[in-house]
Amino acid sequence: MDYVIEPQPLPSVAVKGTDSRFPVRRIFCVGRNYAEHTREMGGDPDREPPFFFTKPADAVVPSESTILFPKATKDLHHEMELVVAIGKKADEISADQANEHIFGYAAGIDLTRRDLQQIAKDKRRPWDSGKAFDQSAPCGMITPATNVPEIGNALIWLAVNGETRQSASIADLIWSVSEVVAFLSQEFILMSGDLIFTGTPAGVGPLVSGDKVTGHIDGLESIEISLL
């Protein structure tokens, strides 16, 4: 097929144990899915239905990347997250069916321009400026679900320059991975290639140029990024 302009490369993520890659279609993110993080952001951690926002597929950057400090912000924050990679169409499925549609899992970081997000909140506007900017979705190598016997109780943590800032268990999720996938499938037709960032634990905080960030989830490949 001929195009009037050169198309951009298809965003993708490495897959552990293979030279093949996982093509990224869309990125969904769950807001406030850990009780302690919900409290630190001034919210109520009761089990209200989860809410979602999105990032563009090309916001994905691989582990060991050096990321330019983003434009237009003086308050960049890290948010460590378990990422779910969808491998099969999911349309109005139940939580019990969710695992059938999951290709694998990865460690990811939801980078957030907190000052721009707060302005949007104050003016009751969408969060795109605070969340959906360039290089805002670092994502580590995907481990196929068949190689992850139990993700539900895995430890998740993030360190900046060797100092631990976030530490929790995936079991602390308000809405479990299966429930998140099921909820999303009621609002969208999930397709292979979709990524879901499932929420961040308490301890989010600022980053500055020169910081080295390391994130880890037990059973998965770690993620490392540096800020220029």
C-alpha atoms as a PDB file:
ATOM      1  CA  MET A   1       0.000   0.000   0.000  1.00  0.00           C
ATOM      2  CA  ASP A   2       1.191   3.488  -0.848  1.00  0.00           C
ATOM      3  CA  TYR A   3       0.906   6.297   1.711  1.00  0.00           C
ATOM      4  CA  VAL A   4       0.980  10.043   1.075  1.00  0.00           C
ATOM      5  CA  ILE A   5       3.491  10.361   3.939  1.00  0.00           C
ATOM      6  CA  GLU A   6       5.868   7.840   5.498  1.00  0.00           C
ATOM      7  CA  PRO A   7       4.035   5.963   8.300  1.00  0.00           C
ATOM      8  CA  GLN A   8       5.577   5.856  11.744  1.00  0.00           C
ATOM      9  CA  PRO A   9       7.014   2.528  12.948  1.00  0.00           C
ATOM     10  CA  LEU A  10       4.633   0.248  14.836  1.00  0.00           C
ATOM     11  CA  PRO A  11       5.326   0.534  18.590  1.00  0.00           C
ATOM     12  CA  SER A  12       6.264  -2.795  20.157  1.00  0.00           C
ATOM     13  CA  VAL A  13       7.642  -4.391  23.316  1.00  0.00           C
ATOM     14  CA  ALA A  14      10.198  -7.190  23.637  1.00  0.00           C
ATOM     15  CA  VAL A  15       8.954 -10.631  24.730  1.00  0.00           C
ATOM     16  CA  LYS A  16      11.058 -12.739  27.090  1.00  0.00           C
ATOM     17  CA  GLY A  17      12.412 -15.958  25.597  1.00  0.00           C
ATOM     18  CA  THR A  18      11.894 -14.995  21.962  1.00  0.00           C
ATOM     19  CA  ASP A  19      13.201 -12.671  19.270  1.00  0.00           C
ATOM     20  CA  SER A  20       9.598 -11.774  18.365  1.00  0.00           C
ATOM     21  CA  ARG A  21       7.962  -8.610  19.675  1.00  0.00           C
ATOM     22  CA  PHE A  22       4.528  -7.676  21.016  1.00  0.00           C
ATOM     23  CA  PRO A  23       2.878  -5.008  18.777  1.00  0.00           C
ATOM     24  CA  VAL A  24       1.197  -2.253  20.809  1.00  0.00           C
ATOM     25  CA  ARG A  25      -2.297  -1.207  19.704  1.00  0.00           C
ATOM     26  CA  ARG A  26      -3.585   0.930  22.606  1.00  0.00           C
ATOM     27  CA  ILE A  27      -2.586   1.721  26.182  1.00  0.00           C
ATOM     28  CA  PHE A  28      -5.207   1.821  28.932  1.00  0.00           C
ATOM     29  CA  CYS A  29      -4.388   2.938  32.476  1.00  0.00           C
ATOM     30  CA  VAL A  30      -6.369   2.418  35.675  1.00  0.00           C
ATOM     31  CA  GLY A  31      -6.586   5.352  38.066  1.00  0.00           C
ATOM     32  CA  ARG A  32      -6.242   4.929  41.835  1.00  0.00           C
ATOM     33  CA  ASN A  33      -6.270   1.150  42.110  1.00  0.00           C
ATOM     34  CA  TYR A  34      -4.264   0.853  45.347  1.00  0.00           C
ATOM     35  CA  ALA A  35      -5.925   2.062  48.566  1.00  0.00           C
ATOM     36  CA  GLU A  36      -2.859   3.815  50.026  1.00  0.00           C
ATOM     37  CA  HIS A  37      -2.148   5.644  46.763  1.00  0.00           C
ATOM     38  CA  THR A  38      -5.780   6.698  46.555  1.00  0.00           C
ATOM     39  CA  ARG A  39      -5.472   8.188  50.042  1.00  0.00           C
ATOM     40  CA  GLU A  40      -2.199   9.984  49.269  1.00  0.00           C
ATOM     41  CA  MET A  41      -3.902  11.588  46.250  1.00  0.00           C
ATOM     42  CA  GLY A  42      -6.806  12.746  48.421  1.00  0.00           C
ATOM     43  CA  GLY A  43      -9.339  10.141  47.281  1.00  0.00           C
ATOM     44  CA  ASP A  44     -11.584   7.568  48.915  1.00  0.00           C
ATOM     45  CA  PRO A  45     -10.351   3.968  48.478  1.00  0.00           C
ATOM     46  CA  ASP A  46     -13.807   2.386  48.704  1.00  0.00           C
ATOM     47  CA  ARG A  47     -14.507  -0.046  45.881  1.00  0.00           C
ATOM     48  CA  GLU A  48     -16.193   2.283  43.450  1.00  0.00           C
ATOM     49  CA  PRO A  49     -16.070   1.102  39.832  1.00  0.00           C
ATOM     50  CA  PRO A  50     -12.577   1.643  38.374  1.00  0.00           C
ATOM     51  CA  PHE A  51     -11.950   4.509  35.964  1.00  0.00           C
ATOM     52  CA  PHE A  52      -9.571   4.591  33.029  1.00  0.00           C
ATOM     53  CA  PHE A  53      -7.490   6.969  30.953  1.00  0.00           C
ATOM     54  CA  THR A  54      -5.319   6.288  27.906  1.00  0.00           C
ATOM     55  CA  LYS A  55      -1.894   6.959  26.485  1.00  0.00           C
ATOM     56  CA  PRO A  56      -0.857   6.776  22.824  1.00  0.00           C
ATOM     57  CA  ALA A  57       0.785   3.544  21.730  1.00  0.00           C
ATOM     58  CA  ASP A  58       3.992   5.358  20.792  1.00  0.00           C
ATOM     59  CA  ALA A  59       4.405   6.582  24.387  1.00  0.00           C
ATOM     60  CA  VAL A  60       5.991   3.158  25.035  1.00  0.00           C
ATOM     61  CA  VAL A  61       9.745   3.141  25.535  1.00  0.00           C
ATOM     62  CA  PRO A  62      11.837   0.069  26.401  1.00  0.00           C
ATOM     63  CA  SER A  63      13.794  -0.672  29.537  1.00  0.00           C
ATOM     64  CA  GLU A  64      17.302   0.833  29.708  1.00  0.00           C
ATOM     65  CA  SER A  65      16.139   3.898  27.760  1.00  0.00           C
ATOM     66  CA  THR A  66      17.371   7.400  28.467  1.00  0.00           C
ATOM     67  CA  ILE A  67      14.352   9.693  28.439  1.00  0.00           C
ATOM     68  CA  LEU A  68      14.404  13.418  27.848  1.00  0.00           C
ATOM     69  CA  PHE A  69      12.876  15.325  30.755  1.00  0.00           C
ATOM     70  CA  PRO A  70       9.435  16.181  29.315  1.00  0.00           C
ATOM     71  CA  LYS A  71       8.357  19.587  28.143  1.00  0.00           C
ATOM     72  CA  ALA A  72       6.038  21.959  29.974  1.00  0.00           C
ATOM     73  CA  THR A  73       6.389  20.488  33.475  1.00  0.00           C
ATOM     74  CA  LYS A  74       8.247  21.232  36.692  1.00  0.00           C
ATOM     75  CA  ASP A  75       6.727  18.270  38.561  1.00  0.00           C
ATOM     76  CA  LEU A  76       7.330  14.945  36.816  1.00  0.00           C
ATOM     77  CA  HIS A  77       6.278  11.913  38.901  1.00  0.00           C
ATOM     78  CA  HIS A  78       6.965   8.170  38.740  1.00  0.00           C
ATOM     79  CA  GLU A  79       4.150   5.614  39.130  1.00  0.00           C
ATOM     80  CA  MET A  80       5.274   1.971  39.164  1.00  0.00           C
ATOM     81  CA  GLU A  81       2.711  -0.453  37.682  1.00  0.00           C
ATOM     82  CA  LEU A  82       1.978  -4.032  36.636  1.00  0.00           C
ATOM     83  CA  VAL A  83       1.247  -4.051  32.906  1.00  0.00           C
ATOM     84  CA  VAL A  84      -1.100  -6.612  31.345  1.00  0.00           C
ATOM     85  CA  ALA A  85      -0.667  -7.494  27.661  1.00  0.00           C
ATOM     86  CA  ILE A  86      -3.862  -8.610  25.915  1.00  0.00           C
ATOM     87  CA  GLY A  87      -3.429 -11.431  23.417  1.00  0.00           C
ATOM     88  CA  LYS A  88      -7.000 -12.242  22.416  1.00  0.00           C
ATOM     89  CA  LYS A  89     -10.161 -10.237  21.697  1.00  0.00           C
ATOM     90  CA  ALA A  90     -12.176  -9.574  24.860  1.00  0.00           C
ATOM     91  CA  ASP A  91     -15.696  -8.200  24.534  1.00  0.00           C
ATOM     92  CA  GLU A  92     -17.967  -8.119  27.611  1.00  0.00           C
ATOM     93  CA  ILE A  93     -16.191 -10.973  29.343  1.00  0.00           C
ATOM     94  CA  SER A  94     -16.389 -11.943  33.016  1.00  0.00           C
ATOM     95  CA  ALA A  95     -13.509 -11.824  35.484  1.00  0.00           C
ATOM     96  CA  ASP A  96     -13.447 -15.632  35.421  1.00  0.00           C
ATOM     97  CA  GLN A  97     -12.709 -15.489  31.681  1.00  0.00           C
ATOM     98  CA  ALA A  98     -10.026 -12.801  31.835  1.00  0.00           C
ATOM     99  CA  ASN A  99      -6.990 -15.071  32.056  1.00  0.00           C
ATOM    100  CA  GLU A 100      -7.911 -16.624  28.707  1.00  0.00           C
ATOM    101  CA  HIS A 101      -7.308 -13.234  27.066  1.00  0.00           C
ATOM    102  CA  ILE A 102      -4.016 -12.289  28.727  1.00  0.00           C
ATOM    103  CA  PHE A 103      -0.839 -12.875  26.721  1.00  0.00           C
ATOM    104  CA  GLY A 104       1.589 -11.817  29.426  1.00  0.00           C
ATOM    105  CA  TYR A 105       2.769  -9.324  32.031  1.00  0.00           C
ATOM    106  CA  ALA A 106       5.425  -6.645  32.332  1.00  0.00           C
ATOM    107  CA  ALA A 107       6.766  -4.013  34.703  1.00  0.00           C
ATOM    108  CA  GLY A 108       5.887  -0.479  33.610  1.00  0.00           C
ATOM    109  CA  ILE A 109       6.132   3.114  34.775  1.00  0.00           C
ATOM    110  CA  ASP A 110       3.307   5.603  34.266  1.00  0.00           C
ATOM    111  CA  LEU A 111       5.193   8.900  34.030  1.00  0.00           C
ATOM    112  CA  THR A 112       2.971  11.813  35.000  1.00  0.00           C
ATOM    113  CA  ARG A 113       3.272  15.567  34.605  1.00  0.00           C
ATOM    114  CA  ARG A 114       1.629  16.082  37.987  1.00  0.00           C
ATOM    115  CA  ASP A 115       1.339  19.857  37.733  1.00  0.00           C
ATOM    116  CA  LEU A 116      -0.475  19.644  34.397  1.00  0.00           C
ATOM    117  CA  GLN A 117      -2.672  16.831  35.692  1.00  0.00           C
ATOM    118  CA  GLN A 118      -3.624  18.957  38.711  1.00  0.00           C
ATOM    119  CA  ILE A 119      -4.523  21.921  36.500  1.00  0.00           C
ATOM    120  CA  ALA A 120      -6.759  19.625  34.454  1.00  0.00           C
ATOM    121  CA  LYS A 121      -8.393  18.279  37.611  1.00  0.00           C
ATOM    122  CA  ASP A 122      -8.996  21.767  38.963  1.00  0.00           C
ATOM    123  CA  LYS A 123     -10.633  22.841  35.702  1.00  0.00           C
ATOM    124  CA  ARG A 124     -12.457  19.506  35.309  1.00  0.00           C
ATOM    125  CA  ARG A 125     -10.724  18.835  32.020  1.00  0.00           C
ATOM    126  CA  PRO A 126      -9.306  15.573  30.574  1.00  0.00           C
ATOM    127  CA  TRP A 127      -5.925  14.397  31.870  1.00  0.00           C
ATOM    128  CA  ASP A 128      -4.221  14.083  28.461  1.00  0.00           C
ATOM    129  CA  SER A 129      -1.626  16.804  29.069  1.00  0.00           C
ATOM    130  CA  GLY A 130      -0.644  15.260  32.376  1.00  0.00           C
ATOM    131  CA  LYS A 131      -0.593  11.635  31.248  1.00  0.00           C
ATOM    132  CA  ALA A 132      -0.475  11.135  27.474  1.00  0.00           C
ATOM    133  CA  PHE A 133       2.784  12.855  26.524  1.00  0.00           C
ATOM    134  CA  ASP A 134       5.843  11.585  24.630  1.00  0.00           C
ATOM    135  CA  GLN A 135       7.791   8.725  26.270  1.00  0.00           C
ATOM    136  CA  SER A 136       5.304   8.574  29.162  1.00  0.00           C
ATOM    137  CA  ALA A 137       4.870   4.777  29.221  1.00  0.00           C
ATOM    138  CA  PRO A 138       8.166   2.976  29.822  1.00  0.00           C
ATOM    139  CA  CYS A 139       7.497  -0.763  29.637  1.00  0.00           C
ATOM    140  CA  GLY A 140       9.820  -3.648  30.392  1.00  0.00           C
ATOM    141  CA  MET A 141      10.052  -6.961  28.594  1.00  0.00           C
ATOM    142  CA  ILE A 142       6.794  -8.940  28.550  1.00  0.00           C
ATOM    143  CA  THR A 143       6.856 -12.351  30.212  1.00  0.00           C
ATOM    144  CA  PRO A 144       4.255 -14.731  28.710  1.00  0.00           C
ATOM    145  CA  ALA A 145       1.510 -15.614  31.187  1.00  0.00           C
ATOM    146  CA  THR A 146       2.328 -19.313  30.830  1.00  0.00           C
ATOM    147  CA  ASN A 147       5.691 -18.533  32.493  1.00  0.00           C
ATOM    148  CA  VAL A 148       4.166 -16.563  35.382  1.00  0.00           C
ATOM    149  CA  PRO A 149       2.581 -19.106  37.750  1.00  0.00           C
ATOM    150  CA  GLU A 150       1.252 -16.561  40.269  1.00  0.00           C
ATOM    151  CA  ILE A 151       1.189 -12.801  39.748  1.00  0.00           C
ATOM    152  CA  GLY A 152      -1.559 -11.987  42.258  1.00  0.00           C
ATOM    153  CA  ASN A 153       0.742 -11.917  45.298  1.00  0.00           C
ATOM    154  CA  ALA A 154       3.936 -10.642  43.663  1.00  0.00           C
ATOM    155  CA  LEU A 155       5.887  -7.846  45.289  1.00  0.00           C
ATOM    156  CA  ILE A 156       6.146  -4.585  43.339  1.00  0.00           C
ATOM    157  CA  TRP A 157       8.666  -1.814  44.037  1.00  0.00           C
ATOM    158  CA  LEU A 158      10.401   1.192  42.533  1.00  0.00           C
ATOM    159  CA  ALA A 159      13.674   2.880  43.487  1.00  0.00           C
ATOM    160  CA  VAL A 160      15.181   6.199  42.427  1.00  0.00           C
ATOM    161  CA  ASN A 161      18.983   6.369  42.521  1.00  0.00           C
ATOM    162  CA  GLY A 162      18.949   3.233  44.676  1.00  0.00           C
ATOM    163  CA  GLU A 163      16.448   4.577  47.235  1.00  0.00           C
ATOM    164  CA  THR A 164      13.174   2.636  47.452  1.00  0.00           C
ATOM    165  CA  ARG A 165      10.153   4.881  47.046  1.00  0.00           C
ATOM    166  CA  GLN A 166       7.306   2.501  46.274  1.00  0.00           C
ATOM    167  CA  SER A 167       6.833  -0.984  47.720  1.00  0.00           C
ATOM    168  CA  ALA A 168       3.671  -3.093  47.900  1.00  0.00           C
ATOM    169  CA  SER A 169       2.067  -6.350  46.802  1.00  0.00           C
ATOM    170  CA  ILE A 170      -0.077  -6.913  43.729  1.00  0.00           C
ATOM    171  CA  ALA A 171      -2.530  -8.399  46.241  1.00  0.00           C
ATOM    172  CA  ASP A 172      -3.123  -4.818  47.459  1.00  0.00           C
ATOM    173  CA  LEU A 173      -4.946  -3.913  44.226  1.00  0.00           C
ATOM    174  CA  ILE A 174      -8.458  -2.636  44.922  1.00  0.00           C
ATOM    175  CA  TRP A 175      -9.602  -4.243  41.663  1.00  0.00           C
ATOM    176  CA  SER A 176      -7.695  -7.391  40.692  1.00  0.00           C
ATOM    177  CA  VAL A 177      -6.120  -7.920  37.285  1.00  0.00           C
ATOM    178  CA  SER A 178      -9.005 -10.154  36.193  1.00  0.00           C
ATOM    179  CA  GLU A 179     -11.587  -7.623  37.381  1.00  0.00           C
ATOM    180  CA  VAL A 180      -9.822  -4.766  35.584  1.00  0.00           C
ATOM    181  CA  VAL A 181      -9.764  -6.687  32.296  1.00  0.00           C
ATOM    182  CA  ALA A 182     -13.443  -7.583  32.700  1.00  0.00           C
ATOM    183  CA  PHE A 183     -14.449  -3.986  33.500  1.00  0.00           C
ATOM    184  CA  LEU A 184     -12.547  -2.626  30.508  1.00  0.00           C
ATOM    185  CA  SER A 185     -14.174  -5.176  28.225  1.00  0.00           C
ATOM    186  CA  GLN A 186     -17.587  -3.763  29.165  1.00  0.00           C
ATOM    187  CA  GLU A 187     -16.595  -0.319  27.848  1.00  0.00           C
ATOM    188  CA  PHE A 188     -14.223  -1.240  25.003  1.00  0.00           C
ATOM    189  CA  ILE A 189     -13.608  -4.198  22.736  1.00  0.00           C
ATOM    190  CA  LEU A 190     -10.144  -5.215  23.876  1.00  0.00           C
ATOM    191  CA  MET A 191      -7.950  -6.583  21.109  1.00  0.00           C
ATOM    192  CA  SER A 192      -4.599  -8.304  20.870  1.00  0.00           C
ATOM    193  CA  GLY A 193      -1.905  -5.670  21.258  1.00  0.00           C
ATOM    194  CA  ASP A 194      -3.663  -3.676  23.973  1.00  0.00           C
ATOM    195  CA  LEU A 195      -1.675  -2.906  27.138  1.00  0.00           C
ATOM    196  CA  ILE A 196      -3.269  -2.196  30.518  1.00  0.00           C
ATOM    197  CA  PHE A 197      -1.358  -0.359  33.238  1.00  0.00           C
ATOM    198  CA  THR A 198      -3.180  -1.601  36.339  1.00  0.00           C
ATOM    199  CA  GLY A 199      -2.483   1.158  38.882  1.00  0.00           C
ATOM    200  CA  THR A 200       0.315   2.304  41.188  1.00  0.00           C
ATOM    201  CA  PRO A 201       1.034   1.803  44.897  1.00  0.00           C
ATOM    202  CA  ALA A 202       1.607   4.630  47.367  1.00  0.00           C
ATOM    203  CA  GLY A 203       4.909   6.487  47.308  1.00  0.00           C
ATOM    204  CA  VAL A 204       4.672   8.307  43.981  1.00  0.00           C
ATOM    205  CA  GLY A 205       7.004  11.266  43.828  1.00  0.00           C
ATOM    206  CA  PRO A 206       9.061  13.681  41.772  1.00  0.00           C
ATOM    207  CA  LEU A 207      11.873  12.963  39.335  1.00  0.00           C
ATOM    208  CA  VAL A 208      14.595  15.304  38.093  1.00  0.00           C
ATOM    209  CA  SER A 209      17.126  15.218  35.286  1.00  0.00           C
ATOM    210  CA  GLY A 210      19.922  12.785  36.092  1.00  0.00           C
ATOM    211  CA  ASP A 211      17.731  10.365  38.054  1.00  0.00           C
ATOM    212  CA  LYS A 212      18.036   6.630  37.464  1.00  0.00           C
ATOM    213  CA  VAL A 213      14.796   4.736  38.061  1.00  0.00           C
ATOM    214  CA  THR A 214      14.562   0.980  38.652  1.00  0.00           C
ATOM    215  CA  GLY A 215      11.287  -0.905  38.970  1.00  0.00           C
ATOM    216  CA  HIS A 216      10.654  -4.565  39.682  1.00  0.00           C
ATOM    217  CA  ILE A 217       7.799  -7.044  40.053  1.00  0.00           C
ATOM    218  CA  ASP A 218       8.602 -10.546  41.307  1.00  0.00           C
ATOM    219  CA  GLY A 219       8.590 -13.086  38.487  1.00  0.00           C
ATOM    220  CA  LEU A 220       8.982 -10.446  35.750  1.00  0.00           C
ATOM    221  CA  GLU A 221      11.885  -8.649  34.100  1.00  0.00           C
ATOM    222  CA  SER A 222      12.899  -5.397  35.806  1.00  0.00           C
ATOM    223  CA  ILE A 223      12.646  -2.009  34.143  1.00  0.00           C
ATOM    224  CA  GLU A 224      15.288   0.717  34.239  1.00  0.00           C
ATOM    225  CA  ILE A 225      15.184   4.220  32.805  1.00  0.00           C
ATOM    226  CA  SER A 226      17.358   7.300  33.139  1.00  0.00           C
ATOM    227  CA  LEU A 227      16.288  10.936  32.812  1.00  0.00           C
ATOM    228  CA  LEU A 228      18.398  13.298  30.736  1.00  0.00           C
END
